[in-house]
């Protein structure tokens, strides 16, 4: 089989890393035609910023809850708050409460901020029943603090879960 001689590629140092892409020639193995393509070097933009949700997924891998030290996971939608105590080792939910539950919402009727505080108080009561003294991690799922989350955190920090 005859050897194919490909033309040598000659670059100027400024043309490879310059702003304007320069054309270069390379030899394609199957066909005997030469193709001109521009050489473009691109860099990623905003490599230092990342989504809070992506950062939270990475943190969940590090902190796992057990039956004695569960993980407290809080999800805050536009209108409601949902809280769970999770035992990751046995894959069980030890406590679940949200501002949608009628027991937190109706006696007496209240706003979602007051319902979030009642969810926090119910979480503390469930922890005393389950003999849980501390949590392994507090997981806000990448959400910032708002009124509902603040009311919830005040209720559980009185028990000693959060250091404010």
N, C-alpha and C. Protein backbone atom coordinates (compact mmCIF):
# COMPACT_ATOMS: atom_id res chain seq x y z
N UNK A 1 0.85 -1.17 0.00
CA UNK A 1 0.00 0.00 0.00
C UNK A 1 0.89 1.23 0.00
N UNK A 2 0.58 2.16 -0.83
CA UNK A 2 1.41 3.37 -0.97
C UNK A 2 1.13 4.31 0.20
N UNK A 3 2.17 4.97 0.66
CA UNK A 3 2.00 5.93 1.74
C UNK A 3 1.49 7.24 1.19
N UNK A 4 0.60 7.86 1.93
CA UNK A 4 0.06 9.15 1.52
C UNK A 4 0.87 10.25 2.19
N UNK A 5 1.29 11.19 1.42
CA UNK A 5 2.06 12.32 1.97
C UNK A 5 1.13 13.49 2.17
N UNK A 6 0.85 13.81 3.42
CA UNK A 6 0.00 14.95 3.74
C UNK A 6 0.87 16.19 3.80
N UNK A 7 0.36 17.31 3.33
CA UNK A 7 1.16 18.54 3.40
C UNK A 7 1.36 18.96 4.85
N UNK A 8 2.49 19.50 5.15
CA UNK A 8 2.81 19.95 6.51
C UNK A 8 2.00 21.20 6.82
N UNK A 9 1.60 21.31 8.06
CA UNK A 9 0.85 22.47 8.50
C UNK A 9 1.80 23.51 9.06
N UNK A 10 1.73 24.70 8.54
CA UNK A 10 2.60 25.78 9.02
C UNK A 10 1.73 26.85 9.63
N UNK A 11 1.98 27.16 10.91
CA UNK A 11 1.22 28.19 11.62
C UNK A 11 2.17 29.28 12.09
N UNK A 12 1.67 30.46 12.06
CA UNK A 12 2.37 31.54 12.76
C UNK A 12 1.85 31.51 14.18
N UNK A 13 2.67 31.85 15.15
CA UNK A 13 2.22 31.78 16.54
C UNK A 13 1.05 32.72 16.81
N UNK A 14 0.99 33.84 16.12
CA UNK A 14 -0.12 34.77 16.35
C UNK A 14 -1.40 34.31 15.68
N UNK A 15 -1.31 33.49 14.64
CA UNK A 15 -2.52 33.08 13.94
C UNK A 15 -3.30 32.01 14.72
N UNK A 16 -2.61 31.20 15.53
CA UNK A 16 -3.30 30.15 16.29
C UNK A 16 -4.09 30.76 17.43
N UNK A 17 -3.49 31.69 18.13
CA UNK A 17 -4.14 32.25 19.31
C UNK A 17 -4.69 33.66 19.06
N UNK A 18 -4.71 34.08 17.84
CA UNK A 18 -5.18 35.42 17.52
C UNK A 18 -6.69 35.52 17.54
N UNK A 19 -7.18 36.70 17.34
CA UNK A 19 -8.62 36.94 17.36
C UNK A 19 -9.26 36.44 16.07
N UNK A 20 -8.66 36.76 14.94
CA UNK A 20 -9.22 36.35 13.66
C UNK A 20 -8.78 34.93 13.35
N UNK A 21 -9.74 34.02 13.10
CA UNK A 21 -9.34 32.64 12.77
C UNK A 21 -8.72 32.59 11.39
N UNK A 22 -7.61 31.90 11.27
CA UNK A 22 -6.92 31.72 9.99
C UNK A 22 -7.28 30.37 9.41
N UNK A 23 -7.28 30.26 8.14
CA UNK A 23 -7.59 29.00 7.49
C UNK A 23 -6.35 28.11 7.52
N UNK A 24 -6.57 26.83 7.62
CA UNK A 24 -5.48 25.88 7.51
C UNK A 24 -5.96 24.68 6.70
N UNK A 25 -5.04 23.93 6.19
CA UNK A 25 -5.36 22.82 5.30
C UNK A 25 -5.01 21.52 6.01
N UNK A 26 -5.89 20.55 5.95
CA UNK A 26 -5.57 19.24 6.48
C UNK A 26 -6.02 18.20 5.47
N UNK A 27 -5.44 17.03 5.58
CA UNK A 27 -5.69 15.96 4.63
C UNK A 27 -6.68 14.98 5.22
N UNK A 28 -7.75 14.71 4.50
CA UNK A 28 -8.74 13.77 4.96
C UNK A 28 -8.33 12.38 4.49
N UNK A 29 -8.38 11.37 5.37
CA UNK A 29 -7.85 10.04 5.08
C UNK A 29 -8.57 9.30 3.97
N UNK A 30 -9.88 9.34 3.90
CA UNK A 30 -10.63 8.53 2.94
C UNK A 30 -10.57 9.12 1.53
N UNK A 31 -10.79 10.38 1.41
CA UNK A 31 -10.80 10.97 0.07
C UNK A 31 -9.48 11.66 -0.19
N UNK A 32 -9.24 12.00 -1.43
CA UNK A 32 -7.96 12.60 -1.81
C UNK A 32 -8.10 14.11 -2.05
N UNK A 33 -9.12 14.70 -1.46
CA UNK A 33 -9.28 16.14 -1.64
C UNK A 33 -8.81 16.88 -0.40
N UNK A 34 -8.38 18.08 -0.58
CA UNK A 34 -7.94 18.93 0.52
C UNK A 34 -9.07 19.88 0.89
N UNK A 35 -9.31 20.04 2.19
CA UNK A 35 -10.41 20.86 2.66
C UNK A 35 -9.84 21.99 3.51
N UNK A 36 -10.34 23.18 3.28
CA UNK A 36 -9.94 24.34 4.09
C UNK A 36 -11.00 24.58 5.13
N UNK A 37 -10.60 24.62 6.41
CA UNK A 37 -11.52 24.92 7.50
C UNK A 37 -10.87 25.94 8.42
N UNK A 38 -11.66 26.84 8.98
CA UNK A 38 -11.08 27.81 9.91
C UNK A 38 -10.79 27.17 11.27
N UNK A 39 -9.72 27.59 11.90
CA UNK A 39 -9.36 27.12 13.22
C UNK A 39 -9.92 28.11 14.24
N UNK A 40 -10.84 27.65 15.09
CA UNK A 40 -11.49 28.52 16.07
C UNK A 40 -11.22 27.96 17.45
N UNK A 41 -10.68 28.78 18.33
CA UNK A 41 -10.43 28.40 19.71
C UNK A 41 -11.42 29.17 20.57
N UNK A 42 -12.28 28.43 21.32
CA UNK A 42 -13.28 29.06 22.15
C UNK A 42 -13.02 28.75 23.61
N UNK A 43 -13.38 29.67 24.47
CA UNK A 43 -13.27 29.47 25.91
C UNK A 43 -14.64 29.56 26.52
N UNK A 44 -14.84 28.85 27.65
CA UNK A 44 -16.12 28.92 28.35
C UNK A 44 -16.27 30.27 29.03
N UNK A 45 -17.46 30.79 28.99
CA UNK A 45 -17.74 32.05 29.67
C UNK A 45 -18.32 31.77 31.05
N UNK A 46 -18.03 32.59 32.00
CA UNK A 46 -18.57 32.52 33.37
C UNK A 46 -18.33 31.15 34.02
N UNK A 47 -17.11 30.72 34.03
CA UNK A 47 -16.81 29.42 34.63
C UNK A 47 -16.88 29.46 36.15
N UNK A 48 -16.83 30.65 36.75
CA UNK A 48 -16.82 30.73 38.20
C UNK A 48 -18.21 30.75 38.81
N UNK A 49 -19.22 31.09 38.04
CA UNK A 49 -20.57 31.12 38.58
C UNK A 49 -21.24 29.78 38.33
N UNK A 50 -21.98 29.32 39.30
CA UNK A 50 -22.72 28.08 39.13
C UNK A 50 -24.08 28.22 39.80
N UNK A 51 -24.96 27.37 39.39
CA UNK A 51 -26.31 27.41 39.91
C UNK A 51 -26.33 26.95 41.37
N UNK A 52 -27.15 27.57 42.22
CA UNK A 52 -27.26 27.08 43.59
C UNK A 52 -27.79 25.66 43.67
N UNK A 53 -28.63 25.27 42.71
CA UNK A 53 -29.16 23.91 42.72
C UNK A 53 -28.08 22.89 42.40
N UNK A 54 -27.16 23.23 41.49
CA UNK A 54 -26.05 22.33 41.17
C UNK A 54 -25.14 22.19 42.38
N UNK A 55 -24.87 23.31 43.05
CA UNK A 55 -24.04 23.27 44.25
C UNK A 55 -24.71 22.43 45.34
N UNK A 56 -26.04 22.51 45.44
CA UNK A 56 -26.76 21.74 46.44
C UNK A 56 -26.68 20.24 46.16
N UNK A 57 -26.78 19.83 44.90
CA UNK A 57 -26.68 18.41 44.56
C UNK A 57 -25.32 17.86 44.95
N UNK A 58 -24.27 18.68 44.78
CA UNK A 58 -22.93 18.25 45.18
C UNK A 58 -22.83 18.12 46.69
N UNK A 59 -23.47 19.02 47.43
CA UNK A 59 -23.42 18.97 48.88
C UNK A 59 -24.20 17.78 49.43
N UNK A 60 -25.28 17.36 48.74
CA UNK A 60 -26.07 16.23 49.21
C UNK A 60 -25.27 14.94 49.19
N UNK A 61 -24.28 14.85 48.31
CA UNK A 61 -23.45 13.65 48.28
C UNK A 61 -22.57 13.54 49.53
N UNK A 62 -22.23 14.68 50.13
CA UNK A 62 -21.34 14.68 51.29
C UNK A 62 -22.07 14.41 52.60
N UNK A 63 -23.30 14.92 52.72
CA UNK A 63 -24.03 14.82 53.98
C UNK A 63 -25.16 13.82 53.85
N UNK A 64 -25.09 12.76 54.60
CA UNK A 64 -26.15 11.75 54.61
C UNK A 64 -26.72 11.66 56.01
N UNK A 65 -28.04 11.53 56.08
CA UNK A 65 -28.70 11.43 57.36
C UNK A 65 -28.81 10.00 57.84
N UNK A 66 -28.85 9.83 59.16
CA UNK A 66 -29.08 8.53 59.78
C UNK A 66 -30.33 8.64 60.64
N UNK A 67 -30.68 7.55 61.31
CA UNK A 67 -31.88 7.57 62.14
C UNK A 67 -31.70 8.50 63.35
N UNK A 68 -30.49 8.58 63.90
CA UNK A 68 -30.23 9.44 65.06
C UNK A 68 -29.90 10.87 64.67
N UNK A 69 -29.32 11.05 63.48
CA UNK A 69 -28.95 12.38 62.98
C UNK A 69 -29.46 12.53 61.54
N UNK A 70 -30.75 12.81 61.36
CA UNK A 70 -31.29 12.90 60.01
C UNK A 70 -30.92 14.21 59.32
N UNK A 71 -31.13 14.21 58.02
CA UNK A 71 -30.92 15.42 57.21
C UNK A 71 -32.25 16.16 57.14
N UNK A 72 -32.22 17.46 57.37
CA UNK A 72 -33.42 18.29 57.29
C UNK A 72 -33.43 18.95 55.92
N UNK A 73 -34.39 18.58 55.08
CA UNK A 73 -34.51 19.11 53.73
C UNK A 73 -35.74 20.00 53.65
N UNK A 74 -35.55 21.23 53.16
CA UNK A 74 -36.64 22.19 53.07
C UNK A 74 -36.74 22.66 51.62
N UNK A 75 -37.96 22.59 51.08
CA UNK A 75 -38.24 23.09 49.73
C UNK A 75 -39.22 24.24 49.86
N UNK A 76 -38.92 25.33 49.20
CA UNK A 76 -39.77 26.51 49.30
C UNK A 76 -40.21 26.90 47.89
N UNK A 77 -41.50 26.68 47.58
CA UNK A 77 -42.00 27.09 46.27
C UNK A 77 -42.41 28.55 46.33
N UNK A 78 -43.10 29.02 45.30
CA UNK A 78 -43.52 30.43 45.29
C UNK A 78 -44.50 30.75 46.41
N UNK A 79 -45.33 29.77 46.78
CA UNK A 79 -46.37 30.05 47.77
C UNK A 79 -46.30 29.18 49.02
N UNK A 80 -45.65 28.03 48.97
CA UNK A 80 -45.70 27.08 50.08
C UNK A 80 -44.29 26.71 50.55
N UNK A 81 -44.26 26.02 51.70
CA UNK A 81 -43.01 25.51 52.27
C UNK A 81 -43.22 24.04 52.62
N UNK A 82 -42.24 23.21 52.28
CA UNK A 82 -42.30 21.77 52.55
C UNK A 82 -41.03 21.39 53.30
N UNK A 83 -41.15 20.63 54.39
CA UNK A 83 -40.00 20.23 55.19
C UNK A 83 -40.03 18.73 55.43
N UNK A 84 -38.84 18.10 55.37
CA UNK A 84 -38.73 16.66 55.59
C UNK A 84 -37.49 16.37 56.43
N UNK A 85 -37.63 15.41 57.34
CA UNK A 85 -36.48 14.82 58.02
C UNK A 85 -36.20 13.51 57.31
N UNK A 86 -35.00 13.35 56.77
CA UNK A 86 -34.70 12.21 55.92
C UNK A 86 -33.60 11.36 56.54
N UNK A 87 -33.87 10.07 56.62
CA UNK A 87 -32.87 9.08 57.01
C UNK A 87 -32.35 8.45 55.72
N UNK A 88 -31.21 8.93 55.23
CA UNK A 88 -30.68 8.48 53.94
C UNK A 88 -30.14 7.06 54.00
N UNK A 89 -29.69 6.65 55.16
CA UNK A 89 -29.12 5.30 55.28
C UNK A 89 -30.18 4.22 55.07
N UNK A 90 -31.36 4.40 55.67
CA UNK A 90 -32.45 3.43 55.52
C UNK A 90 -33.46 3.86 54.46
N UNK A 91 -33.22 5.00 53.83
CA UNK A 91 -34.11 5.55 52.80
C UNK A 91 -35.53 5.72 53.31
N UNK A 92 -35.66 6.44 54.42
CA UNK A 92 -36.96 6.69 55.02
C UNK A 92 -37.14 8.17 55.31
N UNK A 93 -38.39 8.59 55.25
CA UNK A 93 -38.74 9.95 55.63
C UNK A 93 -39.30 9.87 57.06
N UNK A 94 -38.61 10.51 58.00
CA UNK A 94 -39.02 10.44 59.40
C UNK A 94 -40.13 11.44 59.73
N UNK A 95 -40.15 12.57 59.04
CA UNK A 95 -41.17 13.60 59.27
C UNK A 95 -41.39 14.33 57.96
N UNK A 96 -42.66 14.63 57.68
CA UNK A 96 -42.99 15.46 56.52
C UNK A 96 -44.06 16.44 56.94
N UNK A 97 -43.85 17.69 56.64
CA UNK A 97 -44.85 18.71 56.93
C UNK A 97 -44.79 19.81 55.90
N UNK A 98 -45.93 20.36 55.57
CA UNK A 98 -45.97 21.47 54.62
C UNK A 98 -47.04 22.46 55.06
N UNK A 99 -46.99 23.63 54.48
CA UNK A 99 -47.96 24.66 54.80
C UNK A 99 -49.31 24.37 54.16
N UNK A 100 -49.42 23.31 53.37
CA UNK A 100 -50.69 22.92 52.76
C UNK A 100 -51.53 22.03 53.66
N UNK A 101 -50.91 21.40 54.68
CA UNK A 101 -51.67 20.52 55.57
C UNK A 101 -52.74 21.31 56.30
N UNK A 102 -53.93 20.73 56.37
CA UNK A 102 -55.04 21.42 57.01
C UNK A 102 -54.82 21.58 58.51
N UNK A 103 -54.09 20.66 59.12
CA UNK A 103 -53.85 20.76 60.56
C UNK A 103 -53.01 21.99 60.90
N UNK A 104 -52.12 22.41 60.01
CA UNK A 104 -51.30 23.60 60.26
C UNK A 104 -52.00 24.86 59.80
N UNK A 105 -52.94 24.74 58.89
CA UNK A 105 -53.51 25.89 58.22
C UNK A 105 -54.84 26.37 58.80
N UNK A 106 -55.67 25.46 59.35
CA UNK A 106 -57.05 25.83 59.65
C UNK A 106 -57.35 26.20 61.10
N UNK A 107 -56.58 25.76 62.07
CA UNK A 107 -56.93 26.02 63.47
C UNK A 107 -56.01 27.05 64.09
N UNK A 108 -56.28 28.26 64.24
CA UNK A 108 -57.21 29.13 63.50
C UNK A 108 -56.63 29.42 62.11
N UNK A 109 -57.42 29.95 61.18
CA UNK A 109 -56.93 30.25 59.83
C UNK A 109 -55.76 31.23 59.88
N UNK A 110 -54.76 30.99 59.04
CA UNK A 110 -53.56 31.81 59.11
C UNK A 110 -52.94 31.96 57.72
N UNK A 111 -51.91 32.79 57.64
CA UNK A 111 -51.17 32.99 56.39
C UNK A 111 -50.12 31.90 56.24
N UNK A 112 -49.44 31.89 55.10
CA UNK A 112 -48.42 30.86 54.88
C UNK A 112 -47.20 31.08 55.77
N UNK A 113 -46.92 32.32 56.15
CA UNK A 113 -45.79 32.58 57.05
C UNK A 113 -46.06 31.98 58.42
N UNK A 114 -47.27 32.17 58.94
CA UNK A 114 -47.62 31.58 60.23
C UNK A 114 -47.70 30.06 60.14
N UNK A 115 -48.17 29.55 58.99
CA UNK A 115 -48.22 28.10 58.80
C UNK A 115 -46.81 27.51 58.75
N UNK A 116 -45.85 28.25 58.16
CA UNK A 116 -44.47 27.78 58.13
C UNK A 116 -43.90 27.70 59.54
N UNK A 117 -44.27 28.65 60.40
CA UNK A 117 -43.83 28.60 61.79
C UNK A 117 -44.44 27.40 62.50
N UNK A 118 -45.69 27.09 62.20
CA UNK A 118 -46.33 25.91 62.81
C UNK A 118 -45.71 24.61 62.32
N UNK A 119 -45.26 24.59 61.07
CA UNK A 119 -44.56 23.40 60.55
C UNK A 119 -43.26 23.20 61.32
N UNK A 120 -42.55 24.30 61.60
CA UNK A 120 -41.32 24.22 62.39
C UNK A 120 -41.58 23.72 63.80
N UNK A 121 -42.66 24.18 64.41
CA UNK A 121 -43.01 23.71 65.76
C UNK A 121 -43.39 22.23 65.74
N UNK A 122 -44.10 21.80 64.70
CA UNK A 122 -44.46 20.38 64.58
C UNK A 122 -43.22 19.52 64.35
N UNK A 123 -42.24 20.06 63.64
CA UNK A 123 -40.98 19.35 63.42
C UNK A 123 -40.24 19.15 64.73
N UNK A 124 -40.22 20.18 65.57
CA UNK A 124 -39.57 20.08 66.87
C UNK A 124 -40.28 19.04 67.74
N UNK A 125 -41.60 19.03 67.70
CA UNK A 125 -42.36 18.04 68.47
C UNK A 125 -42.09 16.63 67.98
N UNK A 126 -41.99 16.44 66.66
CA UNK A 126 -41.69 15.12 66.11
C UNK A 126 -40.28 14.68 66.50
N UNK A 127 -39.35 15.63 66.57
CA UNK A 127 -37.97 15.29 66.97
C UNK A 127 -37.90 14.84 68.43
N UNK A 128 -38.68 15.47 69.28
CA UNK A 128 -38.68 15.05 70.68
C UNK A 128 -39.31 13.66 70.82
N UNK A 129 -40.34 13.36 70.00
CA UNK A 129 -40.96 12.04 70.04
C UNK A 129 -40.00 10.96 69.52
N UNK A 130 -39.20 11.31 68.50
CA UNK A 130 -38.26 10.35 67.91
C UNK A 130 -36.90 10.33 68.63
N UNK A 131 -36.76 11.17 69.66
CA UNK A 131 -35.52 11.29 70.45
C UNK A 131 -34.33 11.69 69.56
N UNK A 132 -34.55 12.69 68.73
CA UNK A 132 -33.50 13.24 67.86
C UNK A 132 -33.01 14.53 68.49
N UNK A 133 -31.70 14.60 68.78
CA UNK A 133 -31.13 15.77 69.42
C UNK A 133 -30.49 16.74 68.45
N UNK A 134 -30.00 16.24 67.31
CA UNK A 134 -29.38 17.12 66.33
C UNK A 134 -29.55 16.55 64.94
N UNK A 135 -29.39 17.41 63.95
CA UNK A 135 -29.51 16.99 62.56
C UNK A 135 -28.12 16.97 61.94
N UNK A 136 -27.94 16.13 60.91
CA UNK A 136 -26.61 16.05 60.28
C UNK A 136 -26.36 17.25 59.38
N UNK A 137 -27.37 17.67 58.63
CA UNK A 137 -27.21 18.85 57.78
C UNK A 137 -28.56 19.50 57.52
N UNK A 138 -28.51 20.78 57.26
CA UNK A 138 -29.71 21.56 56.93
C UNK A 138 -29.64 21.88 55.45
N UNK A 139 -30.59 21.38 54.69
CA UNK A 139 -30.57 21.44 53.24
C UNK A 139 -31.70 22.35 52.77
N UNK A 140 -31.35 23.55 52.26
CA UNK A 140 -32.37 24.48 51.78
C UNK A 140 -32.62 24.30 50.29
N UNK A 141 -31.97 23.34 49.64
CA UNK A 141 -32.13 23.06 48.21
C UNK A 141 -31.77 24.25 47.33
N UNK A 142 -30.83 25.05 47.76
CA UNK A 142 -30.37 26.17 46.94
C UNK A 142 -31.25 27.39 46.99
N UNK A 143 -32.26 27.42 47.84
CA UNK A 143 -33.18 28.55 47.89
C UNK A 143 -32.66 29.61 48.85
N UNK A 144 -32.90 30.87 48.52
CA UNK A 144 -32.56 31.96 49.42
C UNK A 144 -33.57 32.06 50.54
N UNK A 145 -33.25 32.85 51.53
CA UNK A 145 -34.16 32.98 52.67
C UNK A 145 -35.23 34.02 52.36
N UNK A 146 -36.47 33.65 52.65
CA UNK A 146 -37.60 34.55 52.51
C UNK A 146 -38.35 34.61 53.83
N UNK A 147 -39.54 35.16 53.82
CA UNK A 147 -40.33 35.28 55.06
C UNK A 147 -40.74 33.92 55.60
N UNK A 148 -41.19 33.03 54.72
CA UNK A 148 -41.62 31.70 55.17
C UNK A 148 -40.45 30.91 55.72
N UNK A 149 -39.32 30.96 55.04
CA UNK A 149 -38.15 30.22 55.50
C UNK A 149 -37.61 30.79 56.80
N UNK A 150 -37.66 32.10 56.95
CA UNK A 150 -37.21 32.72 58.21
C UNK A 150 -38.11 32.31 59.38
N UNK A 151 -39.41 32.30 59.16
CA UNK A 151 -40.34 31.90 60.23
C UNK A 151 -40.11 30.44 60.62
N UNK A 152 -39.85 29.60 59.64
CA UNK A 152 -39.57 28.18 59.89
C UNK A 152 -38.26 28.02 60.67
N UNK A 153 -37.23 28.75 60.26
CA UNK A 153 -35.93 28.65 60.92
C UNK A 153 -35.95 29.16 62.35
N UNK A 154 -36.72 30.18 62.63
CA UNK A 154 -36.83 30.70 64.00
C UNK A 154 -37.46 29.65 64.90
N UNK A 155 -38.48 28.95 64.38
CA UNK A 155 -39.15 27.92 65.19
C UNK A 155 -38.22 26.75 65.50
N UNK A 156 -37.39 26.34 64.56
CA UNK A 156 -36.52 25.19 64.83
C UNK A 156 -35.21 25.59 65.50
N UNK A 157 -34.81 26.85 65.39
CA UNK A 157 -33.58 27.26 66.06
C UNK A 157 -33.78 27.37 67.56
N UNK A 158 -35.01 27.55 68.01
CA UNK A 158 -35.27 27.59 69.45
C UNK A 158 -35.00 26.23 70.08
N UNK A 159 -35.12 25.17 69.31
CA UNK A 159 -34.83 23.82 69.79
C UNK A 159 -33.33 23.52 69.76
N UNK A 160 -32.57 24.28 68.98
CA UNK A 160 -31.12 24.11 68.92
C UNK A 160 -30.63 23.45 67.65
N UNK A 161 -31.47 23.31 66.64
CA UNK A 161 -31.02 22.71 65.37
C UNK A 161 -30.12 23.65 64.61
N UNK A 162 -30.46 24.91 64.57
CA UNK A 162 -29.70 25.88 63.78
C UNK A 162 -29.00 26.86 64.71
N UNK A 163 -27.78 27.19 64.37
CA UNK A 163 -27.04 28.20 65.12
C UNK A 163 -27.21 29.52 64.38
N UNK A 164 -27.96 30.42 64.96
CA UNK A 164 -28.20 31.72 64.30
C UNK A 164 -27.21 32.74 64.78
